[in-house]
Amino acid sequence: MTSYDRYSVFPTRSRLWQGAILHTIAHAIWIMQHPLLADEVVWRGFNYEIDNSEGTRGIITFSDAGIVGVFRDNLSPRAPWSSKPDSYDFTDFLKGIPTDLYNLMKQHALPYMHTFGPIIDSPVITAAFWGNGEALTASEPWSQVLENGANILDIELLDFDEALAVVEENYDFLPFQLATVKTLFKRKMAEPDSVITLSEQETNSLTEVSSEGFEESSELFLAIGIKPQPSAPGRNE
């Protein structure tokens, strides 16, 4: 194999992190117009959370202590409501996970997958992965992890040019919006540990179509260290 095969080979931590940053920038721009869907991409500290509003959810914890990811696909035959609830055990998907990474997952990722109900009162996941460094692994081949929830990572698994094409298609961006995604991503990659402050002109450009979701957009930008200027009052609201 001469190139990365996202369908059969586990991604690296770096690939996922860069993809998460790209997806976050794109979503932050998009929710300027669509604030009601802001929760489809969320950061809680080092937890990266994505939800496609169609029954699939994923949480990746990017911690200095390691990386863990959990996924729930409501249509997967592994979901308890698709099989026998009494036999469901989420630890079936965590066989072989080191104790320290299990504790990380238990503390930071699994609580956001908890389902409270008369039938199921526990975290519900249909796939998971983990790793201590760049390399990731799971209790099963990557293709199975992908099939049972990790396929929500449609941007995060791709090289930059491929990911940008998916961003353009998924978000139906205007040319200047796509150009802004590209520019901000490259600036952030050049200074990953710094806060990037947007100029007033850059901020106004982002709110050119609409500023209805400016507050939600700013919150998401700030979560990855990008700071817009205050919104121009009354601009396309």
C-alpha atoms as a PDB file:
ATOM      1  CA  MET A   1       0.000   0.000   0.000  1.00  0.00           C
ATOM      2  CA  THR A   2       1.579   3.264  -1.134  1.00  0.00           C
ATOM      3  CA  SER A   3      -0.792   5.709   0.532  1.00  0.00           C
ATOM      4  CA  TYR A   4      -3.015   5.921   3.575  1.00  0.00           C
ATOM      5  CA  ASP A   5      -6.160   3.794   3.239  1.00  0.00           C
ATOM      6  CA  ARG A   6      -8.708   5.320   5.566  1.00  0.00           C
ATOM      7  CA  TYR A   7     -11.009   2.307   5.238  1.00  0.00           C
ATOM      8  CA  SER A   8      -8.608  -0.273   6.627  1.00  0.00           C
ATOM      9  CA  VAL A   9      -5.743   1.500   8.403  1.00  0.00           C
ATOM     10  CA  PHE A  10      -6.038   3.214  11.778  1.00  0.00           C
ATOM     11  CA  PRO A  11      -5.445   6.970  11.517  1.00  0.00           C
ATOM     12  CA  THR A  12      -2.767   8.668  13.594  1.00  0.00           C
ATOM     13  CA  ARG A  13      -3.467  11.050  16.425  1.00  0.00           C
ATOM     14  CA  SER A  14      -2.013  13.930  14.371  1.00  0.00           C
ATOM     15  CA  ARG A  15      -4.289  13.232  11.426  1.00  0.00           C
ATOM     16  CA  LEU A  16      -7.372  13.195  13.650  1.00  0.00           C
ATOM     17  CA  TRP A  17      -6.357  16.351  15.497  1.00  0.00           C
ATOM     18  CA  GLN A  18      -5.664  18.321  12.325  1.00  0.00           C
ATOM     19  CA  GLY A  19      -8.928  17.070  10.835  1.00  0.00           C
ATOM     20  CA  ALA A  20     -10.798  18.080  13.975  1.00  0.00           C
ATOM     21  CA  ILE A  21      -9.352  21.597  13.769  1.00  0.00           C
ATOM     22  CA  LEU A  22     -10.319  21.887  10.091  1.00  0.00           C
ATOM     23  CA  HIS A  23     -13.840  20.628  10.779  1.00  0.00           C
ATOM     24  CA  THR A  24     -14.193  23.001  13.724  1.00  0.00           C
ATOM     25  CA  ILE A  25     -13.181  26.035  11.657  1.00  0.00           C
ATOM     26  CA  ALA A  26     -15.615  25.095   8.910  1.00  0.00           C
ATOM     27  CA  HIS A  27     -18.453  24.520  11.369  1.00  0.00           C
ATOM     28  CA  ALA A  28     -17.751  27.777  13.211  1.00  0.00           C
ATOM     29  CA  ILE A  29     -18.125  29.671   9.930  1.00  0.00           C
ATOM     30  CA  TRP A  30     -21.253  27.751   8.949  1.00  0.00           C
ATOM     31  CA  ILE A  31     -23.132  28.303  12.211  1.00  0.00           C
ATOM     32  CA  MET A  32     -22.954  32.053  11.670  1.00  0.00           C
ATOM     33  CA  GLN A  33     -26.005  31.284   9.506  1.00  0.00           C
ATOM     34  CA  HIS A  34     -27.228  28.120  11.273  1.00  0.00           C
ATOM     35  CA  PRO A  35     -26.849  28.561  15.050  1.00  0.00           C
ATOM     36  CA  LEU A  36     -29.487  25.941  15.856  1.00  0.00           C
ATOM     37  CA  LEU A  37     -27.067  23.258  14.653  1.00  0.00           C
ATOM     38  CA  ALA A  38     -24.105  24.547  16.646  1.00  0.00           C
ATOM     39  CA  ASP A  39     -24.077  21.402  18.805  1.00  0.00           C
ATOM     40  CA  GLU A  40     -23.027  19.210  15.884  1.00  0.00           C
ATOM     41  CA  VAL A  41     -19.405  20.170  16.646  1.00  0.00           C
ATOM     42  CA  VAL A  42     -18.446  20.993  20.239  1.00  0.00           C
ATOM     43  CA  TRP A  43     -15.256  21.171  22.321  1.00  0.00           C
ATOM     44  CA  ARG A  44     -15.358  20.562  26.085  1.00  0.00           C
ATOM     45  CA  GLY A  45     -11.781  21.127  27.163  1.00  0.00           C
ATOM     46  CA  PHE A  46      -9.815  18.485  25.255  1.00  0.00           C
ATOM     47  CA  ASN A  47     -12.994  16.567  24.330  1.00  0.00           C
ATOM     48  CA  TYR A  48     -13.927  16.896  20.662  1.00  0.00           C
ATOM     49  CA  GLU A  49     -17.586  15.984  20.141  1.00  0.00           C
ATOM     50  CA  ILE A  50     -19.392  15.516  16.842  1.00  0.00           C
ATOM     51  CA  ASP A  51     -22.991  14.624  16.122  1.00  0.00           C
ATOM     52  CA  ASN A  52     -24.533  14.368  12.650  1.00  0.00           C
ATOM     53  CA  SER A  53     -28.123  14.833  13.945  1.00  0.00           C
ATOM     54  CA  GLU A  54     -28.971  11.574  12.185  1.00  0.00           C
ATOM     55  CA  GLY A  55     -28.209   9.108  14.960  1.00  0.00           C
ATOM     56  CA  THR A  56     -24.417   8.959  15.000  1.00  0.00           C
ATOM     57  CA  ARG A  57     -22.267  10.581  17.662  1.00  0.00           C
ATOM     58  CA  GLY A  58     -18.562  10.533  18.440  1.00  0.00           C
ATOM     59  CA  ILE A  59     -16.276  11.839  21.173  1.00  0.00           C
ATOM     60  CA  ILE A  60     -12.489  11.975  20.904  1.00  0.00           C
ATOM     61  CA  THR A  61     -10.453  12.906  23.966  1.00  0.00           C
ATOM     62  CA  PHE A  62      -7.123  14.517  23.015  1.00  0.00           C
ATOM     63  CA  SER A  63      -5.295  14.336  26.330  1.00  0.00           C
ATOM     64  CA  ASP A  64      -1.574  14.570  27.098  1.00  0.00           C
ATOM     65  CA  ALA A  65      -2.076  11.210  28.796  1.00  0.00           C
ATOM     66  CA  GLY A  66      -3.319   9.605  25.581  1.00  0.00           C
ATOM     67  CA  ILE A  67      -6.154   9.622  23.083  1.00  0.00           C
ATOM     68  CA  VAL A  68      -9.457   7.752  23.302  1.00  0.00           C
ATOM     69  CA  GLY A  69     -12.475   7.780  21.037  1.00  0.00           C
ATOM     70  CA  VAL A  70     -15.987   6.401  21.482  1.00  0.00           C
ATOM     71  CA  PHE A  71     -18.809   6.256  18.949  1.00  0.00           C
ATOM     72  CA  ARG A  72     -22.502   5.440  18.913  1.00  0.00           C
ATOM     73  CA  ASP A  73     -24.379   4.613  15.741  1.00  0.00           C
ATOM     74  CA  ASN A  74     -28.044   4.181  16.600  1.00  0.00           C
ATOM     75  CA  LEU A  75     -28.535   2.076  13.460  1.00  0.00           C
ATOM     76  CA  SER A  76     -25.692  -0.304  14.237  1.00  0.00           C
ATOM     77  CA  PRO A  77     -26.793  -3.861  15.063  1.00  0.00           C
ATOM     78  CA  ARG A  78     -24.567  -3.485  18.122  1.00  0.00           C
ATOM     79  CA  ALA A  79     -26.845  -0.842  19.656  1.00  0.00           C
ATOM     80  CA  PRO A  80     -28.890  -2.284  22.531  1.00  0.00           C
ATOM     81  CA  TRP A  81     -32.180  -1.226  20.948  1.00  0.00           C
ATOM     82  CA  SER A  82     -31.226  -3.238  17.850  1.00  0.00           C
ATOM     83  CA  SER A  83     -30.586  -6.430  19.819  1.00  0.00           C
ATOM     84  CA  LYS A  84     -31.272  -7.725  23.325  1.00  0.00           C
ATOM     85  CA  PRO A  85     -30.835  -4.891  25.843  1.00  0.00           C
ATOM     86  CA  ASP A  86     -30.184  -7.313  28.689  1.00  0.00           C
ATOM     87  CA  SER A  87     -27.100  -8.661  26.946  1.00  0.00           C
ATOM     88  CA  TYR A  88     -25.598  -5.276  26.034  1.00  0.00           C
ATOM     89  CA  ASP A  89     -22.215  -4.561  27.611  1.00  0.00           C
ATOM     90  CA  PHE A  90     -20.237  -1.555  26.328  1.00  0.00           C
ATOM     91  CA  THR A  91     -16.998  -3.090  27.623  1.00  0.00           C
ATOM     92  CA  ASP A  92     -17.283  -5.632  24.802  1.00  0.00           C
ATOM     93  CA  PHE A  93     -15.785  -2.925  22.587  1.00  0.00           C
ATOM     94  CA  LEU A  94     -12.955  -2.093  25.007  1.00  0.00           C
ATOM     95  CA  LYS A  95     -11.164  -5.434  25.264  1.00  0.00           C
ATOM     96  CA  GLY A  96      -7.438  -4.900  25.563  1.00  0.00           C
ATOM     97  CA  ILE A  97      -7.560  -1.218  26.491  1.00  0.00           C
ATOM     98  CA  PRO A  98      -4.836  -0.286  29.025  1.00  0.00           C
ATOM     99  CA  THR A  99      -6.084   0.646  32.472  1.00  0.00           C
ATOM    100  CA  ASP A 100      -4.873   4.254  32.270  1.00  0.00           C
ATOM    101  CA  LEU A 101      -6.642   4.814  28.951  1.00  0.00           C
ATOM    102  CA  TYR A 102      -9.797   3.128  30.210  1.00  0.00           C
ATOM    103  CA  ASN A 103      -9.786   5.495  33.184  1.00  0.00           C
ATOM    104  CA  LEU A 104      -9.299   8.436  30.812  1.00  0.00           C
ATOM    105  CA  MET A 105     -12.224   7.243  28.703  1.00  0.00           C
ATOM    106  CA  LYS A 106     -14.374   6.581  31.749  1.00  0.00           C
ATOM    107  CA  GLN A 107     -13.743  10.063  33.128  1.00  0.00           C
ATOM    108  CA  HIS A 108     -13.922  12.196  29.998  1.00  0.00           C
ATOM    109  CA  ALA A 109     -15.702  10.429  27.117  1.00  0.00           C
ATOM    110  CA  LEU A 110     -18.119   7.783  28.360  1.00  0.00           C
ATOM    111  CA  PRO A 111     -20.203  10.140  30.556  1.00  0.00           C
ATOM    112  CA  TYR A 112     -21.334  11.963  27.405  1.00  0.00           C
ATOM    113  CA  MET A 113     -22.549   8.660  25.955  1.00  0.00           C
ATOM    114  CA  HIS A 114     -24.677   7.724  28.968  1.00  0.00           C
ATOM    115  CA  THR A 115     -28.255   6.738  28.225  1.00  0.00           C
ATOM    116  CA  PHE A 116     -30.718   6.989  31.083  1.00  0.00           C
ATOM    117  CA  GLY A 117     -33.851   4.898  30.769  1.00  0.00           C
ATOM    118  CA  PRO A 118     -35.849   1.968  32.100  1.00  0.00           C
ATOM    119  CA  ILE A 119     -34.101  -0.463  29.723  1.00  0.00           C
ATOM    120  CA  ILE A 120     -30.580   0.963  29.464  1.00  0.00           C
ATOM    121  CA  ASP A 121     -28.894   2.999  32.188  1.00  0.00           C
ATOM    122  CA  SER A 122     -25.238   3.048  31.114  1.00  0.00           C
ATOM    123  CA  PRO A 123     -22.965   4.489  28.457  1.00  0.00           C
ATOM    124  CA  VAL A 124     -24.025   3.260  25.023  1.00  0.00           C
ATOM    125  CA  ILE A 125     -21.307   2.914  22.407  1.00  0.00           C
ATOM    126  CA  THR A 126     -20.953   0.752  19.321  1.00  0.00           C
ATOM    127  CA  ALA A 127     -17.216   1.240  18.680  1.00  0.00           C
ATOM    128  CA  ALA A 128     -14.083   2.666  20.294  1.00  0.00           C
ATOM    129  CA  PHE A 129     -10.353   3.209  19.809  1.00  0.00           C
ATOM    130  CA  TRP A 130      -7.402   4.352  21.908  1.00  0.00           C
ATOM    131  CA  GLY A 131      -3.666   5.046  21.883  1.00  0.00           C
ATOM    132  CA  ASN A 132      -0.776   6.364  23.972  1.00  0.00           C
ATOM    133  CA  GLY A 133       1.111   8.124  21.196  1.00  0.00           C
ATOM    134  CA  GLU A 134       0.578   8.635  17.493  1.00  0.00           C
ATOM    135  CA  ALA A 135      -0.585   5.075  16.838  1.00  0.00           C
ATOM    136  CA  LEU A 136      -4.172   4.045  17.536  1.00  0.00           C
ATOM    137  CA  THR A 137      -5.671   0.634  18.088  1.00  0.00           C
ATOM    138  CA  ALA A 138      -8.900  -1.066  19.145  1.00  0.00           C
ATOM    139  CA  SER A 139     -10.309  -4.438  20.092  1.00  0.00           C
ATOM    140  CA  GLU A 140     -11.075  -5.054  16.398  1.00  0.00           C
ATOM    141  CA  PRO A 141      -9.902  -4.011  12.922  1.00  0.00           C
ATOM    142  CA  TRP A 142     -10.297  -0.368  11.943  1.00  0.00           C
ATOM    143  CA  SER A 143     -12.851  -1.286   9.268  1.00  0.00           C
ATOM    144  CA  GLN A 144     -15.200  -2.515  12.008  1.00  0.00           C
ATOM    145  CA  VAL A 145     -14.683   0.610  14.115  1.00  0.00           C
ATOM    146  CA  LEU A 146     -15.430   2.676  11.030  1.00  0.00           C
ATOM    147  CA  GLU A 147     -18.537   0.686  10.145  1.00  0.00           C
ATOM    148  CA  ASN A 148     -20.026   1.041  13.617  1.00  0.00           C
ATOM    149  CA  GLY A 149     -19.781   4.760  14.197  1.00  0.00           C
ATOM    150  CA  ALA A 150     -16.349   6.161  13.314  1.00  0.00           C
ATOM    151  CA  ASN A 151     -17.597   6.828   9.777  1.00  0.00           C
ATOM    152  CA  ILE A 152     -18.869  10.097  11.205  1.00  0.00           C
ATOM    153  CA  LEU A 153     -15.250  11.229  10.812  1.00  0.00           C
ATOM    154  CA  ASP A 154     -15.794  12.053   7.149  1.00  0.00           C
ATOM    155  CA  ILE A 155     -13.514  15.124   7.278  1.00  0.00           C
ATOM    156  CA  GLU A 156     -11.103  14.129  10.024  1.00  0.00           C
ATOM    157  CA  LEU A 157      -9.680  11.079   8.222  1.00  0.00           C
ATOM    158  CA  LEU A 158      -8.758  12.826   4.973  1.00  0.00           C
ATOM    159  CA  ASP A 159      -5.699  14.593   3.644  1.00  0.00           C
ATOM    160  CA  PHE A 160      -6.109  18.369   3.558  1.00  0.00           C
ATOM    161  CA  ASP A 161      -7.118  18.757  -0.098  1.00  0.00           C
ATOM    162  CA  GLU A 162      -9.627  15.897   0.097  1.00  0.00           C
ATOM    163  CA  ALA A 163     -10.994  17.210   3.393  1.00  0.00           C
ATOM    164  CA  LEU A 164     -11.406  20.693   1.950  1.00  0.00           C
ATOM    165  CA  ALA A 165     -13.444  19.262  -0.924  1.00  0.00           C
ATOM    166  CA  VAL A 166     -15.734  17.504   1.566  1.00  0.00           C
ATOM    167  CA  VAL A 167     -16.059  20.730   3.570  1.00  0.00           C
ATOM    168  CA  GLU A 168     -17.095  22.582   0.417  1.00  0.00           C
ATOM    169  CA  GLU A 169     -19.687  19.933  -0.422  1.00  0.00           C
ATOM    170  CA  ASN A 170     -21.064  19.405   3.098  1.00  0.00           C
ATOM    171  CA  TYR A 171     -21.371  23.081   3.964  1.00  0.00           C
ATOM    172  CA  ASP A 172     -22.160  24.447   0.494  1.00  0.00           C
ATOM    173  CA  PHE A 173     -19.743  27.322   1.103  1.00  0.00           C
ATOM    174  CA  LEU A 174     -19.308  30.374  -1.070  1.00  0.00           C
ATOM    175  CA  PRO A 175     -15.781  30.768  -2.491  1.00  0.00           C
ATOM    176  CA  PHE A 176     -14.725  33.365   0.099  1.00  0.00           C
ATOM    177  CA  GLN A 177     -15.965  31.154   2.956  1.00  0.00           C
ATOM    178  CA  LEU A 178     -13.950  28.200   1.709  1.00  0.00           C
ATOM    179  CA  ALA A 179     -10.912  30.440   1.263  1.00  0.00           C
ATOM    180  CA  THR A 180     -11.324  31.593   4.870  1.00  0.00           C
ATOM    181  CA  VAL A 181     -11.408  27.984   6.087  1.00  0.00           C
ATOM    182  CA  LYS A 182      -8.158  27.303   4.243  1.00  0.00           C
ATOM    183  CA  THR A 183      -6.439  30.457   5.505  1.00  0.00           C
ATOM    184  CA  LEU A 184      -7.445  30.015   9.150  1.00  0.00           C
ATOM    185  CA  PHE A 185      -6.450  26.356   9.140  1.00  0.00           C
ATOM    186  CA  LYS A 186      -2.978  27.114   7.809  1.00  0.00           C
ATOM    187  CA  ARG A 187      -2.519  29.927  10.315  1.00  0.00           C
ATOM    188  CA  LYS A 188      -3.584  27.677  13.158  1.00  0.00           C
ATOM    189  CA  MET A 189      -1.289  24.865  12.054  1.00  0.00           C
ATOM    190  CA  ALA A 190       1.612  27.345  11.957  1.00  0.00           C
ATOM    191  CA  GLU A 191       0.851  28.468  15.542  1.00  0.00           C
ATOM    192  CA  PRO A 192      -1.005  25.576  17.183  1.00  0.00           C
ATOM    193  CA  ASP A 193      -0.348  26.738  20.737  1.00  0.00           C
ATOM    194  CA  SER A 194      -1.101  30.431  20.187  1.00  0.00           C
ATOM    195  CA  VAL A 195      -4.372  32.347  20.120  1.00  0.00           C
ATOM    196  CA  ILE A 196      -5.001  33.743  16.657  1.00  0.00           C
ATOM    197  CA  THR A 197      -6.826  37.065  16.757  1.00  0.00           C
ATOM    198  CA  LEU A 198      -8.824  37.913  13.667  1.00  0.00           C
ATOM    199  CA  SER A 199      -8.771  41.448  12.326  1.00  0.00           C
ATOM    200  CA  GLU A 200     -11.948  43.495  12.158  1.00  0.00           C
ATOM    201  CA  GLN A 201     -11.934  43.039   8.392  1.00  0.00           C
ATOM    202  CA  GLU A 202     -11.646  39.245   8.721  1.00  0.00           C
ATOM    203  CA  THR A 203     -14.453  39.184  11.277  1.00  0.00           C
ATOM    204  CA  ASN A 204     -16.690  41.333   9.090  1.00  0.00           C
ATOM    205  CA  SER A 205     -16.001  39.003   6.191  1.00  0.00           C
ATOM    206  CA  LEU A 206     -17.176  36.031   8.252  1.00  0.00           C
ATOM    207  CA  THR A 207     -20.412  37.821   9.143  1.00  0.00           C
ATOM    208  CA  GLU A 208     -21.018  39.041   5.598  1.00  0.00           C
ATOM    209  CA  VAL A 209     -23.720  36.470   4.864  1.00  0.00           C
ATOM    210  CA  SER A 210     -25.222  36.457   8.374  1.00  0.00           C
ATOM    211  CA  SER A 211     -24.219  37.140  11.967  1.00  0.00           C
ATOM    212  CA  GLU A 212     -27.229  35.438  13.533  1.00  0.00           C
ATOM    213  CA  GLY A 213     -25.011  32.790  15.103  1.00  0.00           C
ATOM    214  CA  PHE A 214     -22.071  35.037  15.929  1.00  0.00           C
ATOM    215  CA  GLU A 215     -22.111  34.134  19.632  1.00  0.00           C
ATOM    216  CA  GLU A 216     -22.164  30.386  18.956  1.00  0.00           C
ATOM    217  CA  SER A 217     -19.513  30.753  16.269  1.00  0.00           C
ATOM    218  CA  SER A 218     -17.221  32.791  18.509  1.00  0.00           C
ATOM    219  CA  GLU A 219     -17.516  30.229  21.304  1.00  0.00           C
ATOM    220  CA  LEU A 220     -16.489  27.436  18.949  1.00  0.00           C
ATOM    221  CA  PHE A 221     -13.607  29.453  17.495  1.00  0.00           C
ATOM    222  CA  LEU A 222     -12.331  30.312  20.969  1.00  0.00           C
ATOM    223  CA  ALA A 223     -12.333  26.630  21.918  1.00  0.00           C
ATOM    224  CA  ILE A 224      -9.497  26.061  19.425  1.00  0.00           C
ATOM    225  CA  GLY A 225      -7.675  29.330  20.022  1.00  0.00           C
ATOM    226  CA  ILE A 226      -9.137  31.602  17.341  1.00  0.00           C
ATOM    227  CA  LYS A 227     -10.553  34.921  18.539  1.00  0.00           C
ATOM    228  CA  PRO A 228     -12.899  36.985  16.324  1.00  0.00           C
ATOM    229  CA  GLN A 229     -13.412  40.694  16.874  1.00  0.00           C
ATOM    230  CA  PRO A 230     -16.745  41.817  18.378  1.00  0.00           C
ATOM    231  CA  SER A 231     -19.557  41.552  15.869  1.00  0.00           C
ATOM    232  CA  ALA A 232     -20.631  44.668  14.010  1.00  0.00           C
ATOM    233  CA  PRO A 233     -24.032  45.529  15.550  1.00  0.00           C
ATOM    234  CA  GLY A 234     -27.045  44.849  13.364  1.00  0.00           C
ATOM    235  CA  ARG A 235     -25.032  43.270  10.544  1.00  0.00           C
ATOM    236  CA  ASN A 236     -27.297  40.926   8.541  1.00  0.00           C
ATOM    237  CA  GLU A 237     -29.041  39.639  11.644  1.00  0.00           C
END
